[in-house]
PDB file of N, CA and C in Angstrom:
ATOM      1  N   MET A   1    -126.844  83.742 191.190  1.00  0.00           N
ATOM      2  CA  MET A   1    -128.227  83.994 190.828  1.00  0.00           C
ATOM      3  C   MET A   1    -128.770  85.124 191.716  1.00  0.00           C
ATOM      4  N   GLN A   2    -129.413  86.098 191.114  1.00  0.00           N
ATOM      5  CA  GLN A   2    -129.960  87.219 191.857  1.00  0.00           C
ATOM      6  C   GLN A   2    -131.185  86.803 192.662  1.00  0.00           C
ATOM      7  N   VAL A   3    -131.490  87.592 193.681  1.00  0.00           N
ATOM      8  CA  VAL A   3    -132.639  87.315 194.547  1.00  0.00           C
ATOM      9  C   VAL A   3    -133.908  87.163 193.717  1.00  0.00           C
ATOM     10  N   GLU A   4    -134.122  88.067 192.764  1.00  0.00           N
ATOM     11  CA  GLU A   4    -135.340  88.010 191.956  1.00  0.00           C
ATOM     12  C   GLU A   4    -135.463  86.683 191.219  1.00  0.00           C
ATOM     13  N   GLU A   5    -134.368  86.225 190.626  1.00  0.00           N
ATOM     14  CA  GLU A   5    -134.383  84.961 189.895  1.00  0.00           C
ATOM     15  C   GLU A   5    -134.696  83.798 190.832  1.00  0.00           C
ATOM     16  N   GLN A   6    -134.129  83.832 192.022  1.00  0.00           N
ATOM     17  CA  GLN A   6    -134.371  82.768 192.987  1.00  0.00           C
ATOM     18  C   GLN A   6    -135.829  82.770 193.454  1.00  0.00           C
ATOM     19  N   VAL A   7    -136.388  83.954 193.677  1.00  0.00           N
ATOM     20  CA  VAL A   7    -137.794  84.046 194.093  1.00  0.00           C
ATOM     21  C   VAL A   7    -138.702  83.582 192.955  1.00  0.00           C
ATOM     22  N   ARG A   8    -138.380  83.940 191.719  1.00  0.00           N
ATOM     23  CA  ARG A   8    -139.164  83.450 190.571  1.00  0.00           C
ATOM     24  C   ARG A   8    -139.158  81.926 190.538  1.00  0.00           C
ATOM     25  N   SER A   9    -137.994  81.344 190.747  1.00  0.00           N
ATOM     26  CA  SER A   9    -137.862  79.890 190.733  1.00  0.00           C
ATOM     27  C   SER A   9    -138.706  79.245 191.831  1.00  0.00           C
ATOM     28  N   ILE A  10    -138.695  79.847 193.016  1.00  0.00           N
ATOM     29  CA  ILE A  10    -139.500  79.328 194.129  1.00  0.00           C
ATOM     30  C   ILE A  10    -140.985  79.416 193.794  1.00  0.00           C
ATOM     31  N   LEU A  11    -141.426  80.559 193.277  1.00  0.00           N
ATOM     32  CA  LEU A  11    -142.840  80.714 192.916  1.00  0.00           C
ATOM     33  C   LEU A  11    -143.246  79.693 191.861  1.00  0.00           C
ATOM     34  N   ASP A  12    -142.402  79.502 190.849  1.00  0.00           N
ATOM     35  CA  ASP A  12    -142.686  78.515 189.805  1.00  0.00           C
ATOM     36  C   ASP A  12    -142.863  77.122 190.399  1.00  0.00           C
ATOM     37  N   ALA A  13    -141.935  76.742 191.270  1.00  0.00           N
ATOM     38  CA  ALA A  13    -141.952  75.393 191.834  1.00  0.00           C
ATOM     39  C   ALA A  13    -143.134  75.180 192.772  1.00  0.00           C
ATOM     40  N   ILE A  14    -143.360  76.103 193.691  1.00  0.00           N
ATOM     41  CA  ILE A  14    -144.396  75.915 194.706  1.00  0.00           C
ATOM     42  C   ILE A  14    -145.793  76.069 194.116  1.00  0.00           C
ATOM     43  N   LEU A  15    -145.962  77.013 193.201  1.00  0.00           N
ATOM     44  CA  LEU A  15    -147.291  77.282 192.645  1.00  0.00           C
ATOM     45  C   LEU A  15    -147.574  76.498 191.367  1.00  0.00           C
ATOM     46  N   GLY A  16    -146.585  75.770 190.867  1.00  0.00           N
ATOM     47  CA  GLY A  16    -146.781  74.998 189.637  1.00  0.00           C
ATOM     48  C   GLY A  16    -147.063  75.889 188.433  1.00  0.00           C
ATOM     49  N   LEU A  17    -146.318  76.969 188.298  1.00  0.00           N
ATOM     50  CA  LEU A  17    -146.575  77.952 187.244  1.00  0.00           C
ATOM     51  C   LEU A  17    -145.965  77.578 185.896  1.00  0.00           C
ATOM     52  N   GLU A  18    -145.207  76.510 185.854  1.00  0.00           N
ATOM     53  CA  GLU A  18    -144.639  75.987 184.610  1.00  0.00           C
ATOM     54  C   GLU A  18    -143.891  77.055 183.812  1.00  0.00           C
ATOM     55  N   GLY A  19    -143.053  77.825 184.496  1.00  0.00           N
ATOM     56  CA  GLY A  19    -142.217  78.813 183.829  1.00  0.00           C
ATOM     57  C   GLY A  19    -142.818  80.200 183.707  1.00  0.00           C
ATOM     58  N   ARG A  20    -144.083  80.363 184.068  1.00  0.00           N
ATOM     59  CA  ARG A  20    -144.724  81.682 183.930  1.00  0.00           C
ATOM     60  C   ARG A  20    -144.063  82.744 184.795  1.00  0.00           C
ATOM     61  N   ALA A  21    -143.476  82.350 185.926  1.00  0.00           N
ATOM     62  CA  ALA A  21    -142.857  83.333 186.820  1.00  0.00           C
ATOM     63  C   ALA A  21    -141.638  83.992 186.184  1.00  0.00           C
ATOM     64  N   SER A  22    -141.069  83.387 185.161  1.00  0.00           N
ATOM     65  CA  SER A  22    -139.887  83.974 184.522  1.00  0.00           C
ATOM     66  C   SER A  22    -140.189  85.330 183.897  1.00  0.00           C
ATOM     67  N   SER A  23    -141.446  85.601 183.615  1.00  0.00           N
ATOM     68  CA  SER A  23    -141.819  86.889 183.019  1.00  0.00           C
ATOM     69  C   SER A  23    -142.275  87.911 184.058  1.00  0.00           C
ATOM     70  N   PHE A  24    -142.250  87.548 185.337  1.00  0.00           N
ATOM     71  CA  PHE A  24    -142.699  88.466 186.383  1.00  0.00           C
ATOM     72  C   PHE A  24    -141.765  89.667 186.486  1.00  0.00           C
ATOM     73  N   GLU A  25    -142.351  90.839 186.451  1.00  0.00           N
ATOM     74  CA  GLU A  25    -141.653  92.108 186.644  1.00  0.00           C
ATOM     75  C   GLU A  25    -141.985  92.615 188.043  1.00  0.00           C
ATOM     76  N   PRO A  26    -141.268  93.628 188.553  1.00  0.00           N
ATOM     77  CA  PRO A  26    -141.568  94.134 189.895  1.00  0.00           C
ATOM     78  C   PRO A  26    -143.033  94.525 190.101  1.00  0.00           C
ATOM     79  N   ALA A  27    -143.686  95.047 189.079  1.00  0.00           N
ATOM     80  CA  ALA A  27    -145.078  95.497 189.221  1.00  0.00           C
ATOM     81  C   ALA A  27    -146.104  94.388 188.991  1.00  0.00           C
ATOM     82  N   THR A  28    -145.659  93.171 188.688  1.00  0.00           N
ATOM     83  CA  THR A  28    -146.596  92.072 188.446  1.00  0.00           C
ATOM     84  C   THR A  28    -147.369  91.760 189.720  1.00  0.00           C
ATOM     85  N   PRO A  29    -148.706  91.868 189.679  1.00  0.00           N
ATOM     86  CA  PRO A  29    -149.500  91.572 190.878  1.00  0.00           C
ATOM     87  C   PRO A  29    -149.482  90.078 191.199  1.00  0.00           C
ATOM     88  N   LEU A  30    -149.466  89.760 192.479  1.00  0.00           N
ATOM     89  CA  LEU A  30    -149.474  88.363 192.916  1.00  0.00           C
ATOM     90  C   LEU A  30    -150.782  88.030 193.633  1.00  0.00           C
ATOM     91  N   LEU A  31    -150.917  88.489 194.868  1.00  0.00           N
ATOM     92  CA  LEU A  31    -152.081  88.144 195.688  1.00  0.00           C
ATOM     93  C   LEU A  31    -153.347  88.707 195.050  1.00  0.00           C
ATOM     94  N   GLY A  32    -154.297  87.824 194.775  1.00  0.00           N
ATOM     95  CA  GLY A  32    -155.540  88.230 194.136  1.00  0.00           C
ATOM     96  C   GLY A  32    -155.490  88.146 192.622  1.00  0.00           C
ATOM     97  N   ALA A  33    -154.293  88.042 192.055  1.00  0.00           N
ATOM     98  CA  ALA A  33    -154.145  87.974 190.601  1.00  0.00           C
ATOM     99  C   ALA A  33    -153.774  86.568 190.127  1.00  0.00           C
ATOM    100  N   LEU A  34    -153.138  85.803 190.993  1.00  0.00           N
ATOM    101  CA  LEU A  34    -152.763  84.425 190.658  1.00  0.00           C
ATOM    102  C   LEU A  34    -153.693  83.471 191.398  1.00  0.00           C
ATOM    103  N   PRO A  35    -154.547  82.753 190.684  1.00  0.00           N
ATOM    104  CA  PRO A  35    -155.448  81.814 191.363  1.00  0.00           C
ATOM    105  C   PRO A  35    -154.689  80.758 192.173  1.00  0.00           C
ATOM    106  N   GLU A  36    -153.464  80.451 191.739  1.00  0.00           N
ATOM    107  CA  GLU A  36    -152.660  79.441 192.433  1.00  0.00           C
ATOM    108  C   GLU A  36    -152.192  79.919 193.805  1.00  0.00           C
ATOM    109  N   LEU A  37    -152.190  81.226 194.034  1.00  0.00           N
ATOM    110  CA  LEU A  37    -151.653  81.786 195.276  1.00  0.00           C
ATOM    111  C   LEU A  37    -152.781  82.001 196.284  1.00  0.00           C
ATOM    112  N   ASP A  38    -153.215  80.896 196.891  1.00  0.00           N
ATOM    113  CA  ASP A  38    -154.214  80.978 197.954  1.00  0.00           C
ATOM    114  C   ASP A  38    -153.499  80.972 199.304  1.00  0.00           C
ATOM    115  N   SER A  39    -154.255  80.960 200.382  1.00  0.00           N
ATOM    116  CA  SER A  39    -153.641  81.067 201.715  1.00  0.00           C
ATOM    117  C   SER A  39    -152.691  79.912 202.012  1.00  0.00           C
ATOM    118  N   MET A  40    -153.027  78.716 201.579  1.00  0.00           N
ATOM    119  CA  MET A  40    -152.133  77.579 201.806  1.00  0.00           C
ATOM    120  C   MET A  40    -150.859  77.711 200.967  1.00  0.00           C
ATOM    121  N   ALA A  41    -150.999  78.222 199.757  1.00  0.00           N
ATOM    122  CA  ALA A  41    -149.832  78.405 198.897  1.00  0.00           C
ATOM    123  C   ALA A  41    -148.898  79.472 199.459  1.00  0.00           C
ATOM    124  N   VAL A  42    -149.467  80.515 200.075  1.00  0.00           N
ATOM    125  CA  VAL A  42    -148.638  81.551 200.702  1.00  0.00           C
ATOM    126  C   VAL A  42    -147.734  80.914 201.751  1.00  0.00           C
ATOM    127  N   ILE A  43    -148.294  80.023 202.557  1.00  0.00           N
ATOM    128  CA  ILE A  43    -147.507  79.329 203.583  1.00  0.00           C
ATOM    129  C   ILE A  43    -146.407  78.498 202.927  1.00  0.00           C
ATOM    130  N   GLY A  44    -146.742  77.807 201.860  1.00  0.00           N
ATOM    131  CA  GLY A  44    -145.748  77.015 201.145  1.00  0.00           C
ATOM    132  C   GLY A  44    -144.627  77.863 200.572  1.00  0.00           C
ATOM    133  N   VAL A  45    -144.980  79.011 200.005  1.00  0.00           N
ATOM    134  CA  VAL A  45    -143.974  79.918 199.449  1.00  0.00           C
ATOM    135  C   VAL A  45    -143.072  80.445 200.558  1.00  0.00           C
ATOM    136  N   LEU A  46    -143.672  80.860 201.671  1.00  0.00           N
ATOM    137  CA  LEU A  46    -142.869  81.366 202.792  1.00  0.00           C
ATOM    138  C   LEU A  46    -141.929  80.294 203.332  1.00  0.00           C
ATOM    139  N   ASN A  47    -142.422  79.071 203.474  1.00  0.00           N
ATOM    140  CA  ASN A  47    -141.570  77.974 203.948  1.00  0.00           C
ATOM    141  C   ASN A  47    -140.418  77.713 202.979  1.00  0.00           C
ATOM    142  N   ALA A  48    -140.707  77.738 201.688  1.00  0.00           N
ATOM    143  CA  ALA A  48    -139.662  77.505 200.686  1.00  0.00           C
ATOM    144  C   ALA A  48    -138.627  78.630 200.699  1.00  0.00           C
ATOM    145  N   ILE A  49    -139.084  79.867 200.885  1.00  0.00           N
ATOM    146  CA  ILE A  49    -138.160  81.002 200.963  1.00  0.00           C
ATOM    147  C   ILE A  49    -137.268  80.860 202.194  1.00  0.00           C
ATOM    148  N   GLU A  50    -137.860  80.507 203.332  1.00  0.00           N
ATOM    149  CA  GLU A  50    -137.071  80.310 204.555  1.00  0.00           C
ATOM    150  C   GLU A  50    -135.998  79.250 204.346  1.00  0.00           C
ATOM    151  N   GLU A  51    -136.394  78.133 203.759  1.00  0.00           N
ATOM    152  CA  GLU A  51    -135.456  77.027 203.553  1.00  0.00           C
ATOM    153  C   GLU A  51    -134.366  77.402 202.547  1.00  0.00           C
ATOM    154  N   HIS A  52    -134.756  78.002 201.445  1.00  0.00           N
ATOM    155  CA  HIS A  52    -133.803  78.335 200.385  1.00  0.00           C
ATOM    156  C   HIS A  52    -132.780  79.373 200.842  1.00  0.00           C
ATOM    157  N   PHE A  53    -133.253  80.413 201.518  1.00  0.00           N
ATOM    158  CA  PHE A  53    -132.366  81.512 201.912  1.00  0.00           C
ATOM    159  C   PHE A  53    -131.815  81.352 203.328  1.00  0.00           C
ATOM    160  N   ASP A  54    -132.238  80.315 204.024  1.00  0.00           N
ATOM    161  CA  ASP A  54    -131.738  79.989 205.361  1.00  0.00           C
ATOM    162  C   ASP A  54    -131.951  81.121 206.370  1.00  0.00           C
ATOM    163  N   PHE A  55    -133.194  81.584 206.456  1.00  0.00           N
ATOM    164  CA  PHE A  55    -133.584  82.521 207.505  1.00  0.00           C
ATOM    165  C   PHE A  55    -134.998  82.195 207.955  1.00  0.00           C
ATOM    166  N   THR A  56    -135.401  82.780 209.067  1.00  0.00           N
ATOM    167  CA  THR A  56    -136.730  82.550 209.625  1.00  0.00           C
ATOM    168  C   THR A  56    -137.581  83.797 209.426  1.00  0.00           C
ATOM    169  N   ILE A  57    -138.839  83.577 209.073  1.00  0.00           N
ATOM    170  CA  ILE A  57    -139.789  84.671 208.894  1.00  0.00           C
ATOM    171  C   ILE A  57    -140.794  84.603 210.033  1.00  0.00           C
ATOM    172  N   GLY A  58    -140.852  85.652 210.833  1.00  0.00           N
ATOM    173  CA  GLY A  58    -141.805  85.715 211.930  1.00  0.00           C
ATOM    174  C   GLY A  58    -143.204  86.028 211.427  1.00  0.00           C
ATOM    175  N   ASP A  59    -144.213  85.535 212.150  1.00  0.00           N
ATOM    176  CA  ASP A  59    -145.604  85.775 211.764  1.00  0.00           C
ATOM    177  C   ASP A  59    -145.914  87.264 211.644  1.00  0.00           C
ATOM    178  N   ASP A  60    -145.301  88.063 212.493  1.00  0.00           N
ATOM    179  CA  ASP A  60    -145.576  89.499 212.495  1.00  0.00           C
ATOM    180  C   ASP A  60    -144.821  90.259 211.401  1.00  0.00           C
ATOM    181  N   GLU A  61    -143.995  89.559 210.632  1.00  0.00           N
ATOM    182  CA  GLU A  61    -143.225  90.206 209.570  1.00  0.00           C
ATOM    183  C   GLU A  61    -143.959  90.219 208.231  1.00  0.00           C
ATOM    184  N   VAL A  62    -145.016  89.432 208.114  1.00  0.00           N
ATOM    185  CA  VAL A  62    -145.684  89.240 206.836  1.00  0.00           C
ATOM    186  C   VAL A  62    -147.137  89.689 206.934  1.00  0.00           C
ATOM    187  N   ASP A  63    -147.573  90.412 205.905  1.00  0.00           N
ATOM    188  CA  ASP A  63    -148.995  90.723 205.768  1.00  0.00           C
ATOM    189  C   ASP A  63    -149.324  90.723 204.274  1.00  0.00           C
ATOM    190  N   GLY A  64    -150.512  91.108 203.929  1.00  0.00           N
ATOM    191  CA  GLY A  64    -150.934  91.074 202.531  1.00  0.00           C
ATOM    192  C   GLY A  64    -150.058  91.890 201.606  1.00  0.00           C
ATOM    193  N   SER A  65    -149.473  92.967 202.123  1.00  0.00           N
ATOM    194  CA  SER A  65    -148.638  93.818 201.270  1.00  0.00           C
ATOM    195  C   SER A  65    -147.360  93.110 200.822  1.00  0.00           C
ATOM    196  N   THR A  66    -146.917  92.118 201.579  1.00  0.00           N
ATOM    197  CA  THR A  66    -145.713  91.367 201.204  1.00  0.00           C
ATOM    198  C   THR A  66    -145.909  90.678 199.858  1.00  0.00           C
ATOM    199  N   PHE A  67    -147.123  90.188 199.615  1.00  0.00           N
ATOM    200  CA  PHE A  67    -147.434  89.451 198.391  1.00  0.00           C
ATOM    201  C   PHE A  67    -148.230  90.286 197.391  1.00  0.00           C
ATOM    202  N   GLU A  68    -148.242  91.601 197.576  1.00  0.00           N
ATOM    203  CA  GLU A  68    -149.007  92.466 196.674  1.00  0.00           C
ATOM    204  C   GLU A  68    -148.504  92.360 195.238  1.00  0.00           C
ATOM    205  N   THR A  69    -147.186  92.482 195.067  1.00  0.00           N
ATOM    206  CA  THR A  69    -146.574  92.359 193.740  1.00  0.00           C
ATOM    207  C   THR A  69    -145.322  91.497 193.851  1.00  0.00           C
ATOM    208  N   PHE A  70    -144.807  91.107 192.696  1.00  0.00           N
ATOM    209  CA  PHE A  70    -143.548  90.369 192.707  1.00  0.00           C
ATOM    210  C   PHE A  70    -142.447  91.226 193.320  1.00  0.00           C
ATOM    211  N   GLY A  71    -142.469  92.510 193.035  1.00  0.00           N
ATOM    212  CA  GLY A  71    -141.457  93.421 193.567  1.00  0.00           C
ATOM    213  C   GLY A  71    -141.485  93.527 195.079  1.00  0.00           C
ATOM    214  N   THR A  72    -142.684  93.558 195.675  1.00  0.00           N
ATOM    215  CA  THR A  72    -142.762  93.657 197.136  1.00  0.00           C
ATOM    216  C   THR A  72    -142.260  92.379 197.788  1.00  0.00           C
ATOM    217  N   LEU A  73    -142.519  91.243 197.158  1.00  0.00           N
ATOM    218  CA  LEU A  73    -142.028  89.976 197.702  1.00  0.00           C
ATOM    219  C   LEU A  73    -140.504  89.901 197.585  1.00  0.00           C
ATOM    220  N   ALA A  74    -139.966  90.262 196.435  1.00  0.00           N
ATOM    221  CA  ALA A  74    -138.510  90.235 196.248  1.00  0.00           C
ATOM    222  C   ALA A  74    -137.819  91.211 197.200  1.00  0.00           C
ATOM    223  N   GLU A  75    -138.403  92.380 197.404  1.00  0.00           N
ATOM    224  CA  GLU A  75    -137.824  93.367 198.319  1.00  0.00           C
ATOM    225  C   GLU A  75    -137.852  92.854 199.759  1.00  0.00           C
ATOM    226  N   PHE A  76    -138.912  92.164 200.133  1.00  0.00           N
ATOM    227  CA  PHE A  76    -138.999  91.564 201.464  1.00  0.00           C
ATOM    228  C   PHE A  76    -137.838  90.594 201.672  1.00  0.00           C
ATOM    229  N   VAL A  77    -137.584  89.741 200.677  1.00  0.00           N
ATOM    230  CA  VAL A  77    -136.490  88.767 200.775  1.00  0.00           C
ATOM    231  C   VAL A  77    -135.147  89.491 200.855  1.00  0.00           C
ATOM    232  N   ARG A  78    -134.938  90.493 200.002  1.00  0.00           N
ATOM    233  CA  ARG A  78    -133.683  91.254 200.043  1.00  0.00           C
ATOM    234  C   ARG A  78    -133.460  91.879 201.417  1.00  0.00           C
ATOM    235  N   ALA A  79    -134.504  92.446 202.000  1.00  0.00           N
ATOM    236  CA  ALA A  79    -134.389  93.076 203.323  1.00  0.00           C
ATOM    237  C   ALA A  79    -134.032  92.045 204.391  1.00  0.00           C
ATOM    238  N   LYS A  80    -134.595  90.843 204.296  1.00  0.00           N
ATOM    239  CA  LYS A  80    -134.291  89.784 205.266  1.00  0.00           C
ATOM    240  C   LYS A  80    -132.840  89.321 205.142  1.00  0.00           C
ATOM    241  N   LEU A  81    -132.278  89.417 203.964  1.00  0.00           N
ATOM    242  CA  LEU A  81    -130.906  88.966 203.741  1.00  0.00           C
ATOM    243  C   LEU A  81    -129.870  89.958 204.250  1.00  0.00           C
ATOM    244  N   GLN A  82    -130.278  91.171 204.546  1.00  0.00           N
ATOM    245  CA  GLN A  82    -129.322  92.187 205.012  1.00  0.00           C
ATOM    246  C   GLN A  82    -129.117  92.123 206.496  1.00  0.00           C
TER     247      GLN A  82
END
């Protein structure tokens, strides 16, 4: 499974999107566009990403631009995996 598919699955599960994340493209806006993605949900998504991909995300590694679009979030995960 590609990184993008795995991130879509995490977003669906944590945000309760009921499959809507399957249509997310790289340019799909996240933060500010999804009512489900509030500050507490961001923490939940980050925790799920850490657990799923088995890496740690430092507080200084994440800012609003990480969740700007689906593409920026997927690219962040890809970069952490390298």
